[in-house]
Amino acid sequence: MRIAILETGAPPSPVNERHPGYGQMMVDMLSPLMPGAAFVVAQVHEGDAAPPADGVDGYLLTGSPVGVYDGHDWIGPLFETVRAAAAAKTPQVGICFGHQAIAAALGGRVEKSDKGWGVGVHRYRVHETRAWMDPLAEEITCAVSHQDQVVEAPAGARVLAGSDFCPNGALSYAQGPAVSFQMHPEFDHGFASDLLAARSDRIPEEKVSGGLETLRQESCRKKLAQWIAAFYRIA
């Protein structure tokens, strides 16, 4: 199995000096769960072309510091890749920005939320289950770092998990197979804490302190990684 990781951004300095990039985080997360799989990282935000859908068994879109509506010249081609993958029935997974990009490319709407920053560990209620969501859970917890949200899911999409803060927290798409998650299972809590500290100049102090406190606790990030690996095997 060959998975193309479409890297859409990089950690800010000086966080990037202590931690791997987002693409490598995905490889580190999935490779122990997908023995024999090959991963190729394309830095689409730096101008790399995405491998064509007929040359891979799946795509994974990473997080990014930019918004899907920001107009960068690589975002349009990324949307075309998402739509081409959907037409070819190539499995794809989106994480944070990737979640928003898949939703936007397939007809949904993404906006900067009036609820402000989501940081630290958030809790989501599971509304629907799929065969790849093993082990099952009634709720999931995971690190997040975002202002933007999917405020309108594409036609036919199903909400798999959500919260009062982020109703469209995880989506399954009618055009697919494709799933996406607003949360960051690839972030270990050390990285999430460093990223939050690096962004403390733009996030309210009470959110920073509260978020750092939640990151001292365990989360379901490993379970989400299992779900993603199983999705690629089953899709």
Protein backbone atom coordinates (compact mmCIF):
# COMPACT_ATOMS: atom_id res chain seq x y z
CA MET A 1 0.00 0.00 0.00
CA ARG A 2 1.33 3.45 -0.97
CA ILE A 3 0.04 6.51 0.91
CA ALA A 4 0.78 10.04 -0.33
CA ILE A 5 1.02 12.55 2.49
CA LEU A 6 0.23 16.03 1.18
CA GLU A 7 2.06 18.39 3.52
CA THR A 8 0.30 21.75 3.56
CA GLY A 9 2.37 23.65 6.11
CA ALA A 10 5.21 23.51 8.63
CA PRO A 11 5.55 24.11 12.39
CA PRO A 12 6.61 27.66 13.28
CA SER A 13 10.11 28.53 14.43
CA PRO A 14 11.51 27.68 16.97
CA VAL A 15 9.10 24.72 17.40
CA ASN A 16 10.35 23.22 14.14
CA GLU A 17 13.85 23.01 15.60
CA ARG A 18 12.70 20.56 18.29
CA HIS A 19 10.07 18.51 16.44
CA PRO A 20 9.59 16.85 13.04
CA GLY A 21 7.46 18.39 10.31
CA TYR A 22 3.78 17.56 9.87
CA GLY A 23 4.41 15.02 7.12
CA GLN A 24 6.96 13.12 9.17
CA MET A 25 4.60 13.19 12.16
CA MET A 26 2.04 11.36 10.02
CA VAL A 27 4.61 8.77 8.95
CA ASP A 28 5.67 8.27 12.59
CA MET A 29 2.02 7.88 13.63
CA LEU A 30 0.92 5.44 10.93
CA SER A 31 3.94 3.34 10.03
CA PRO A 32 3.82 1.18 13.21
CA LEU A 33 0.14 0.48 12.49
CA MET A 34 0.58 -0.19 8.77
CA PRO A 35 3.55 -2.53 8.39
CA GLY A 36 4.57 -2.87 4.78
CA ALA A 37 2.98 0.42 3.73
CA ALA A 38 5.09 2.97 1.86
CA PHE A 39 4.69 6.67 2.57
CA VAL A 40 5.69 9.50 0.25
CA VAL A 41 5.58 13.12 1.45
CA ALA A 42 4.80 15.86 -1.09
CA GLN A 43 5.28 19.40 0.21
CA VAL A 44 2.44 20.88 -1.79
CA HIS A 45 2.68 24.18 0.12
CA GLU A 46 6.22 24.50 -1.30
CA GLY A 47 5.15 23.71 -4.86
CA ASP A 48 5.49 19.92 -4.99
CA ALA A 49 2.94 18.25 -7.23
CA ALA A 50 0.64 15.72 -5.60
CA PRO A 51 1.15 12.18 -6.93
CA PRO A 52 -1.71 11.25 -9.28
CA ALA A 53 -4.58 9.24 -7.86
CA ASP A 54 -3.85 6.23 -10.06
CA GLY A 55 -0.36 5.97 -8.57
CA VAL A 56 -1.28 5.78 -4.89
CA ASP A 57 -3.60 3.81 -2.62
CA GLY A 58 -4.57 6.79 -0.49
CA TYR A 59 -3.96 10.43 0.37
CA LEU A 60 -3.50 12.15 3.71
CA LEU A 61 -3.80 15.97 3.92
CA THR A 62 -1.97 17.54 6.86
CA GLY A 63 -2.56 20.60 9.01
CA SER A 64 -1.38 24.07 8.06
CA PRO A 65 -1.15 27.56 9.58
CA VAL A 66 -3.10 29.03 6.63
CA GLY A 67 -6.81 29.01 5.83
CA VAL A 68 -8.41 27.25 2.89
CA TYR A 69 -9.79 30.63 1.80
CA ASP A 70 -6.41 32.44 1.85
CA GLY A 71 -5.85 32.26 -1.90
CA HIS A 72 -2.38 30.69 -1.96
CA ASP A 73 -1.57 29.41 -5.44
CA TRP A 74 -1.19 25.80 -4.25
CA ILE A 75 -4.66 25.56 -2.69
CA GLY A 76 -6.57 25.41 -5.98
CA PRO A 77 -4.51 22.46 -7.26
CA LEU A 78 -4.91 20.78 -3.87
CA PHE A 79 -8.70 21.07 -4.21
CA GLU A 80 -8.43 19.55 -7.69
CA THR A 81 -6.46 16.65 -6.24
CA VAL A 82 -9.20 16.07 -3.64
CA ARG A 83 -11.89 16.07 -6.31
CA ALA A 84 -9.86 13.80 -8.60
CA ALA A 85 -9.30 11.37 -5.72
CA ALA A 86 -13.03 11.36 -4.96
CA ALA A 87 -13.83 10.64 -8.62
CA ALA A 88 -11.25 7.83 -8.73
CA LYS A 89 -12.51 6.39 -5.41
CA THR A 90 -9.02 6.79 -3.92
CA PRO A 91 -9.27 6.86 -0.11
CA GLN A 92 -8.33 10.15 1.51
CA VAL A 93 -8.01 11.44 5.06
CA GLY A 94 -7.84 15.06 6.17
CA ILE A 95 -6.45 16.44 9.43
CA CYS A 96 -7.29 19.99 10.67
CA PHE A 97 -6.54 22.12 7.56
CA GLY A 98 -6.84 18.88 5.59
CA HIS A 99 -10.28 18.33 7.14
CA GLN A 100 -11.31 21.80 6.04
CA ALA A 101 -9.73 21.41 2.59
CA ILE A 102 -11.57 18.18 1.79
CA ALA A 103 -14.85 19.70 3.00
CA ALA A 104 -14.35 22.90 0.99
CA ALA A 105 -13.20 21.08 -2.16
CA LEU A 106 -16.29 18.86 -2.09
CA GLY A 107 -18.77 21.70 -1.65
CA GLY A 108 -18.74 22.60 2.05
CA ARG A 109 -18.02 25.94 3.69
CA VAL A 110 -15.16 26.90 6.02
CA GLU A 111 -14.95 30.08 8.09
CA LYS A 112 -12.95 31.58 10.92
CA SER A 113 -15.14 30.69 13.89
CA ASP A 114 -16.65 33.37 16.10
CA LYS A 115 -15.93 30.98 18.98
CA GLY A 116 -12.25 31.81 18.71
CA TRP A 117 -9.30 29.50 19.14
CA GLY A 118 -9.67 25.83 19.96
CA VAL A 119 -6.56 24.69 21.82
CA GLY A 120 -5.48 21.94 24.19
CA VAL A 121 -7.34 18.65 24.45
CA HIS A 122 -10.96 18.78 23.27
CA ARG A 123 -13.69 16.20 23.78
CA TYR A 124 -15.99 15.07 20.95
CA ARG A 125 -19.16 12.99 21.08
CA VAL A 126 -19.25 10.13 18.57
CA HIS A 127 -22.55 10.30 16.65
CA GLU A 128 -22.07 7.53 14.08
CA THR A 129 -19.70 4.61 13.80
CA ARG A 130 -18.05 2.83 10.89
CA ALA A 131 -16.34 -0.56 10.58
CA TRP A 132 -12.88 1.05 10.76
CA MET A 133 -13.68 2.79 14.07
CA ASP A 134 -12.23 -0.05 16.11
CA PRO A 135 -12.01 0.02 19.09
CA LEU A 136 -15.38 1.73 19.36
CA ALA A 137 -15.87 4.75 21.60
CA GLU A 138 -18.77 6.96 22.68
CA GLU A 139 -16.45 9.95 22.79
CA ILE A 140 -12.92 10.83 21.75
CA THR A 141 -10.40 13.29 23.14
CA CYS A 142 -7.51 14.77 21.20
CA ALA A 143 -5.30 17.82 20.90
CA VAL A 144 -6.54 20.64 18.66
CA SER A 145 -5.16 23.95 17.42
CA HIS A 146 -7.45 25.91 15.12
CA GLN A 147 -9.55 29.00 14.57
CA ASP A 148 -11.25 27.90 11.33
CA GLN A 149 -14.06 25.38 11.26
CA VAL A 150 -16.21 23.55 8.74
CA VAL A 151 -19.45 25.46 9.26
CA GLU A 152 -21.36 23.71 6.47
CA ALA A 153 -20.59 20.14 5.44
CA PRO A 154 -20.83 19.09 1.78
CA ALA A 155 -24.06 17.52 0.55
CA GLY A 156 -24.35 13.94 1.70
CA ALA A 157 -21.58 14.17 4.30
CA ARG A 158 -22.21 12.55 7.68
CA VAL A 159 -21.04 13.95 10.99
CA LEU A 160 -19.19 11.16 12.79
CA ALA A 161 -18.18 13.23 15.82
CA GLY A 162 -18.62 16.75 17.10
CA SER A 163 -18.85 19.03 20.11
CA ASP A 164 -20.64 22.20 21.12
CA PHE A 165 -17.48 24.12 20.21
CA CYS A 166 -16.92 22.28 16.92
CA PRO A 167 -20.08 20.54 15.67
CA ASN A 168 -18.45 19.19 12.48
CA GLY A 169 -15.49 17.63 14.25
CA ALA A 170 -15.22 14.51 12.08
CA LEU A 171 -16.88 13.92 8.71
CA SER A 172 -17.47 11.04 6.33
CA TYR A 173 -18.16 12.04 2.74
CA ALA A 174 -20.64 10.79 0.14
CA GLN A 175 -17.91 11.45 -2.45
CA GLY A 176 -15.28 9.07 -1.37
CA PRO A 177 -14.17 7.05 0.38
CA ALA A 178 -13.00 10.03 2.44
CA VAL A 179 -13.00 10.99 6.11
CA SER A 180 -11.59 13.97 7.94
CA PHE A 181 -10.91 15.14 11.48
CA GLN A 182 -10.56 18.60 12.96
CA MET A 183 -8.33 17.20 15.73
CA HIS A 184 -4.61 16.35 15.58
CA PRO A 185 -3.88 12.71 16.47
CA GLU A 186 -0.33 13.15 15.09
CA PHE A 187 0.49 15.75 17.77
CA ASP A 188 2.07 14.32 20.89
CA HIS A 189 1.31 16.49 23.89
CA GLY A 190 4.85 17.83 24.08
CA PHE A 191 4.57 19.22 20.57
CA ALA A 192 1.04 20.53 21.18
CA SER A 193 2.27 22.34 24.31
CA ASP A 194 5.23 23.88 22.47
CA LEU A 195 2.97 24.97 19.59
CA LEU A 196 0.49 26.56 21.98
CA ALA A 197 3.28 28.42 23.76
CA ALA A 198 4.62 29.65 20.41
CA ARG A 199 1.17 31.02 19.53
CA SER A 200 0.53 32.60 22.94
CA ASP A 201 0.98 36.09 21.50
CA ARG A 202 -2.25 35.71 19.52
CA ILE A 203 -4.36 33.50 21.80
CA PRO A 204 -6.12 34.79 24.95
CA GLU A 205 -4.09 34.07 28.08
CA GLU A 206 -6.87 32.11 29.76
CA LYS A 207 -7.14 29.80 26.74
CA VAL A 208 -3.40 29.24 26.73
CA SER A 209 -3.27 28.36 30.44
CA GLY A 210 -6.38 26.18 30.22
CA GLY A 211 -5.11 24.43 27.11
CA LEU A 212 -1.73 23.69 28.65
CA GLU A 213 -3.47 22.19 31.67
CA THR A 214 -5.49 19.79 29.50
CA LEU A 215 -2.31 18.71 27.70
CA ARG A 216 -1.02 17.27 30.96
CA GLN A 217 -3.72 14.61 30.66
CA GLU A 218 -3.98 11.55 28.43
CA SER A 219 -6.06 11.60 25.23
CA CYS A 220 -7.41 9.22 22.59
CA ARG A 221 -4.83 10.17 19.96
CA LYS A 222 -3.56 6.60 19.60
CA LYS A 223 -7.10 5.33 19.10
CA LEU A 224 -7.63 7.88 16.33
CA ALA A 225 -4.41 6.72 14.69
CA GLN A 226 -5.77 3.15 14.78
CA TRP A 227 -8.98 4.34 13.15
CA ILE A 228 -7.11 6.07 10.34
CA ALA A 229 -4.91 3.05 9.65
CA ALA A 230 -7.97 0.79 9.61
CA PHE A 231 -9.78 3.19 7.26
CA TYR A 232 -7.03 2.79 4.66
CA ARG A 233 -7.15 -1.01 4.99
CA ILE A 234 -10.95 -1.23 4.72
CA ALA A 235 -11.78 1.59 2.26
